[in-house]
Amino acid sequence: MDEELPPDAEPGERRLNIHLDPEDIAGAYANFANISFSRYEFTLTFARIEHEVEEGDVPGAVVARVNASPRFMEELIAALQDSWSKWQTTEGIRNLPEAPPHDLR
């Protein structure tokens, strides 16, 4: 079966078709990450930890663990840097002081 391309698509262009189960739409909140690696892969472990504990062990729960190839990690780092830069620019614009009103007399 041939797939029909949208009018703005280039011939040979591929699009992602990623399925997301409804119960996963909200995602998982994480405020801690650990990264470990071997010669062949990186493991990213995301957790939610309780910062309010003043003594003893800090309780937490792993919310996701992802194993990835070194090539994917390189692409992920580039994507994170790009998104971080865009976020910083947006926040910088949002936090500019307002200009004083002009007297239009």
C-alpha atoms as a PDB file:
ATOM      1  CA  MET A   1       0.000   0.000   0.000  1.00  0.00           C
ATOM      2  CA  ASP A   2       1.373   3.431  -0.951  1.00  0.00           C
ATOM      3  CA  GLU A   3       1.307   6.127   1.687  1.00  0.00           C
ATOM      4  CA  GLU A   4      -0.101   9.445   0.543  1.00  0.00           C
ATOM      5  CA  LEU A   5       2.175  12.376   1.430  1.00  0.00           C
ATOM      6  CA  PRO A   6       0.796  15.668   2.716  1.00  0.00           C
ATOM      7  CA  PRO A   7       0.971  18.535   0.167  1.00  0.00           C
ATOM      8  CA  ASP A   8       4.019  20.152   1.857  1.00  0.00           C
ATOM      9  CA  ALA A   9       6.027  16.913   2.195  1.00  0.00           C
ATOM     10  CA  GLU A  10       9.154  16.300   0.164  1.00  0.00           C
ATOM     11  CA  PRO A  11       9.340  13.006  -1.768  1.00  0.00           C
ATOM     12  CA  GLY A  12      11.240  10.458   0.318  1.00  0.00           C
ATOM     13  CA  GLU A  13      10.598  12.421   3.534  1.00  0.00           C
ATOM     14  CA  ARG A  14       9.923  10.217   6.539  1.00  0.00           C
ATOM     15  CA  ARG A  15       7.696  11.171   9.442  1.00  0.00           C
ATOM     16  CA  LEU A  16       7.603   9.684  12.928  1.00  0.00           C
ATOM     17  CA  ASN A  17       4.456   7.855  13.918  1.00  0.00           C
ATOM     18  CA  ILE A  18       4.919   7.350  17.656  1.00  0.00           C
ATOM     19  CA  HIS A  19       2.183   5.755  19.749  1.00  0.00           C
ATOM     20  CA  LEU A  20       1.536   7.002  23.275  1.00  0.00           C
ATOM     21  CA  ASP A  21      -0.777   5.102  25.588  1.00  0.00           C
ATOM     22  CA  PRO A  22      -3.397   7.394  27.185  1.00  0.00           C
ATOM     23  CA  GLU A  23      -2.198   6.511  30.708  1.00  0.00           C
ATOM     24  CA  ASP A  24       1.293   7.798  29.771  1.00  0.00           C
ATOM     25  CA  ILE A  25       0.233  11.186  28.354  1.00  0.00           C
ATOM     26  CA  ALA A  26       0.907  13.016  31.633  1.00  0.00           C
ATOM     27  CA  GLY A  27       4.473  11.695  31.736  1.00  0.00           C
ATOM     28  CA  ALA A  28       6.437  11.300  34.945  1.00  0.00           C
ATOM     29  CA  TYR A  29       7.911  14.040  37.105  1.00  0.00           C
ATOM     30  CA  ALA A  30      11.610  13.714  37.928  1.00  0.00           C
ATOM     31  CA  ASN A  31      13.816  16.025  39.972  1.00  0.00           C
ATOM     32  CA  PHE A  32      16.927  13.841  39.935  1.00  0.00           C
ATOM     33  CA  ALA A  33      18.870  12.024  37.218  1.00  0.00           C
ATOM     34  CA  ASN A  34      21.808   9.657  37.251  1.00  0.00           C
ATOM     35  CA  ILE A  35      23.810   8.714  34.167  1.00  0.00           C
ATOM     36  CA  SER A  36      26.027   5.645  33.964  1.00  0.00           C
ATOM     37  CA  PHE A  37      27.757   4.125  30.944  1.00  0.00           C
ATOM     38  CA  SER A  38      29.680   1.216  29.525  1.00  0.00           C
ATOM     39  CA  ARG A  39      31.619   0.938  26.269  1.00  0.00           C
ATOM     40  CA  TYR A  40      28.363   0.184  24.458  1.00  0.00           C
ATOM     41  CA  GLU A  41      25.557   2.166  26.075  1.00  0.00           C
ATOM     42  CA  PHE A  42      24.463   4.889  28.451  1.00  0.00           C
ATOM     43  CA  THR A  43      21.827   4.383  31.114  1.00  0.00           C
ATOM     44  CA  LEU A  44      19.781   7.382  32.219  1.00  0.00           C
ATOM     45  CA  THR A  45      17.852   6.881  35.443  1.00  0.00           C
ATOM     46  CA  PHE A  46      15.238   9.473  36.380  1.00  0.00           C
ATOM     47  CA  ALA A  47      13.839   9.632  39.903  1.00  0.00           C
ATOM     48  CA  ARG A  48      11.594  11.717  42.094  1.00  0.00           C
ATOM     49  CA  ILE A  49      13.249  12.402  45.425  1.00  0.00           C
ATOM     50  CA  GLU A  50      12.010  14.083  48.593  1.00  0.00           C
ATOM     51  CA  HIS A  51      14.128  17.156  49.321  1.00  0.00           C
ATOM     52  CA  GLU A  52      12.341  17.978  52.593  1.00  0.00           C
ATOM     53  CA  VAL A  53      14.084  15.224  54.596  1.00  0.00           C
ATOM     54  CA  GLU A  54      16.566  16.761  57.005  1.00  0.00           C
ATOM     55  CA  GLU A  55      18.219  13.631  58.456  1.00  0.00           C
ATOM     56  CA  GLY A  56      19.062  10.140  57.264  1.00  0.00           C
ATOM     57  CA  ASP A  57      18.613   8.708  53.810  1.00  0.00           C
ATOM     58  CA  VAL A  58      16.705  10.738  51.260  1.00  0.00           C
ATOM     59  CA  PRO A  59      13.735   8.713  50.000  1.00  0.00           C
ATOM     60  CA  GLY A  60      13.006   8.523  46.305  1.00  0.00           C
ATOM     61  CA  ALA A  61      11.451   6.454  43.544  1.00  0.00           C
ATOM     62  CA  VAL A  62      12.727   5.711  40.053  1.00  0.00           C
ATOM     63  CA  VAL A  63      10.165   6.962  37.523  1.00  0.00           C
ATOM     64  CA  ALA A  64      11.995   5.944  34.319  1.00  0.00           C
ATOM     65  CA  ARG A  65      15.173   4.284  33.108  1.00  0.00           C
ATOM     66  CA  VAL A  66      16.403   4.598  29.531  1.00  0.00           C
ATOM     67  CA  ASN A  67      19.282   2.736  27.866  1.00  0.00           C
ATOM     68  CA  ALA A  68      20.724   4.499  24.830  1.00  0.00           C
ATOM     69  CA  SER A  69      23.557   4.150  22.336  1.00  0.00           C
ATOM     70  CA  PRO A  70      26.450   6.637  22.316  1.00  0.00           C
ATOM     71  CA  ARG A  71      25.221   8.013  18.974  1.00  0.00           C
ATOM     72  CA  PHE A  72      21.757   8.648  20.381  1.00  0.00           C
ATOM     73  CA  MET A  73      23.299  10.330  23.444  1.00  0.00           C
ATOM     74  CA  GLU A  74      25.229  12.694  21.165  1.00  0.00           C
ATOM     75  CA  GLU A  75      22.001  13.623  19.364  1.00  0.00           C
ATOM     76  CA  LEU A  76      20.139  13.967  22.684  1.00  0.00           C
ATOM     77  CA  ILE A  77      22.796  16.332  24.068  1.00  0.00           C
ATOM     78  CA  ALA A  78      22.569  18.490  20.917  1.00  0.00           C
ATOM     79  CA  ALA A  79      18.757  18.577  21.160  1.00  0.00           C
ATOM     80  CA  LEU A  80      18.911  19.468  24.868  1.00  0.00           C
ATOM     81  CA  GLN A  81      21.409  22.278  24.205  1.00  0.00           C
ATOM     82  CA  ASP A  82      19.202  23.648  21.408  1.00  0.00           C
ATOM     83  CA  SER A  83      16.061  23.552  23.561  1.00  0.00           C
ATOM     84  CA  TRP A  84      17.887  25.070  26.556  1.00  0.00           C
ATOM     85  CA  SER A  85      19.165  27.931  24.394  1.00  0.00           C
ATOM     86  CA  LYS A  86      15.662  28.606  23.039  1.00  0.00           C
ATOM     87  CA  TRP A  87      14.192  28.489  26.560  1.00  0.00           C
ATOM     88  CA  GLN A  88      16.831  30.939  27.853  1.00  0.00           C
ATOM     89  CA  THR A  89      16.077  33.337  24.996  1.00  0.00           C
ATOM     90  CA  THR A  90      12.341  33.140  25.694  1.00  0.00           C
ATOM     91  CA  GLU A  91      12.866  33.730  29.424  1.00  0.00           C
ATOM     92  CA  GLY A  92      15.248  36.616  28.702  1.00  0.00           C
ATOM     93  CA  ILE A  93      12.663  38.313  26.489  1.00  0.00           C
ATOM     94  CA  ARG A  94       9.914  37.685  29.035  1.00  0.00           C
ATOM     95  CA  ASN A  95      12.024  39.251  31.814  1.00  0.00           C
ATOM     96  CA  LEU A  96      13.042  42.430  29.962  1.00  0.00           C
ATOM     97  CA  PRO A  97      12.097  45.590  31.831  1.00  0.00           C
ATOM     98  CA  GLU A  98       9.163  47.374  30.273  1.00  0.00           C
ATOM     99  CA  ALA A  99       9.973  50.565  28.396  1.00  0.00           C
ATOM    100  CA  PRO A 100       8.549  53.748  29.853  1.00  0.00           C
ATOM    101  CA  PRO A 101       5.448  54.997  28.005  1.00  0.00           C
ATOM    102  CA  HIS A 102       6.159  57.552  25.269  1.00  0.00           C
ATOM    103  CA  ASP A 103       4.525  60.974  25.467  1.00  0.00           C
ATOM    104  CA  LEU A 104       2.640  61.246  22.155  1.00  0.00           C
ATOM    105  CA  ARG A 105       1.640  64.923  22.462  1.00  0.00           C
END
